[in-house]
Amino acid sequence: MLGEDREALLNRLLPLVARWARASSEAIIQRWRELSWTLGQQVRVEVGGEVIEGLAEAVAEDGALVVGGRRVIAGDVTRVRPA
């Protein structure tokens, strides 16, 4: 894919972009959940000066990550590996 010329790459990507542009919010969030590496993992989220650690439980309907019962809209998420 990266070895293709730009026009060929664009021709392959445009139908995919169009498909997701037509998709419902529910379909987008569901696919996001299916592809998320964070769900079910222990994570650490740094938001400004605050650190939240816990289980990544869900992706909310608005796209927020739910960690330890708290909604996180933005932040740096890293997986916490067991010691």
Protein backbone atom coordinates (compact mmCIF):
# COMPACT_ATOMS: atom_id res chain seq x y z
CA MET A 1 0.00 0.00 0.00
CA LEU A 2 2.72 2.51 0.92
CA GLY A 3 4.70 1.59 -2.18
CA GLU A 4 1.79 2.64 -4.41
CA ASP A 5 1.70 5.96 -6.15
CA ARG A 6 -0.51 8.57 -4.51
CA GLU A 7 -3.33 8.34 -7.03
CA ALA A 8 -3.62 4.56 -6.69
CA LEU A 9 -3.56 4.84 -2.92
CA LEU A 10 -6.23 7.54 -2.97
CA ASN A 11 -8.40 5.42 -5.28
CA ARG A 12 -8.23 2.58 -2.74
CA LEU A 13 -8.93 4.80 0.28
CA LEU A 14 -11.79 6.94 -1.05
CA PRO A 15 -14.41 4.14 -1.07
CA LEU A 16 -13.49 3.26 2.53
CA VAL A 17 -13.76 6.87 3.65
CA ALA A 18 -17.10 7.20 1.86
CA ARG A 19 -18.39 4.01 3.52
CA TRP A 20 -17.56 5.25 7.02
CA ALA A 21 -18.91 8.73 6.23
CA ARG A 22 -22.30 7.11 5.52
CA ALA A 23 -22.19 4.80 8.55
CA SER A 24 -24.33 5.41 11.61
CA SER A 25 -22.75 6.59 14.84
CA GLU A 26 -23.67 3.24 16.40
CA ALA A 27 -21.84 1.31 13.67
CA ILE A 28 -18.74 3.48 14.06
CA ILE A 29 -18.65 3.10 17.85
CA GLN A 30 -19.25 -0.66 17.59
CA ARG A 31 -16.35 -1.08 15.16
CA TRP A 32 -14.18 1.12 17.39
CA ARG A 33 -14.97 -1.18 20.32
CA GLU A 34 -14.13 -4.28 18.25
CA LEU A 35 -10.74 -2.88 17.25
CA SER A 36 -9.78 -1.29 20.58
CA TRP A 37 -6.68 -2.84 22.20
CA THR A 38 -7.44 -1.05 25.47
CA LEU A 39 -10.77 -2.61 26.42
CA GLY A 40 -10.39 -5.20 29.16
CA GLN A 41 -6.84 -4.05 29.91
CA GLN A 42 -5.38 -2.30 32.93
CA VAL A 43 -4.43 1.19 31.75
CA ARG A 44 -2.94 4.41 33.01
CA VAL A 45 -4.32 7.68 31.68
CA GLU A 46 -2.49 10.97 32.13
CA VAL A 47 -4.78 13.97 31.84
CA GLY A 48 -2.98 17.20 32.54
CA GLY A 49 -1.53 16.68 36.02
CA GLU A 50 -3.95 13.90 36.94
CA VAL A 51 -3.33 10.16 36.60
CA ILE A 52 -6.16 7.65 36.39
CA GLU A 53 -5.40 3.94 36.63
CA GLY A 54 -7.87 1.12 36.25
CA LEU A 55 -9.60 -1.27 33.92
CA ALA A 56 -10.55 0.11 30.50
CA GLU A 57 -14.18 -0.94 30.71
CA ALA A 58 -15.93 0.55 27.70
CA VAL A 59 -16.08 3.06 24.90
CA ALA A 60 -19.10 5.25 25.60
CA GLU A 61 -21.55 6.28 22.88
CA ASP A 62 -19.78 9.64 22.57
CA GLY A 63 -16.35 8.00 22.23
CA ALA A 64 -15.18 8.56 25.80
CA LEU A 65 -13.06 5.78 27.31
CA VAL A 66 -14.46 4.51 30.60
CA VAL A 67 -11.61 3.67 33.00
CA GLY A 68 -12.40 2.44 36.49
CA GLY A 69 -15.88 3.92 36.23
CA ARG A 70 -14.62 7.34 35.11
CA ARG A 71 -15.18 8.82 31.67
CA VAL A 72 -12.02 10.01 29.94
CA ILE A 73 -12.45 12.29 26.95
CA ALA A 74 -8.77 13.01 26.29
CA GLY A 75 -5.41 11.97 27.68
CA ASP A 76 -2.37 9.79 27.14
CA VAL A 77 -3.34 6.14 27.59
CA THR A 78 -0.77 3.43 28.25
CA ARG A 79 -1.26 -0.21 29.09
CA VAL A 80 -0.15 -1.23 32.58
CA ARG A 81 1.61 -4.57 32.28
CA PRO A 82 1.44 -6.96 35.22
CA ALA A 83 4.60 -7.01 37.33
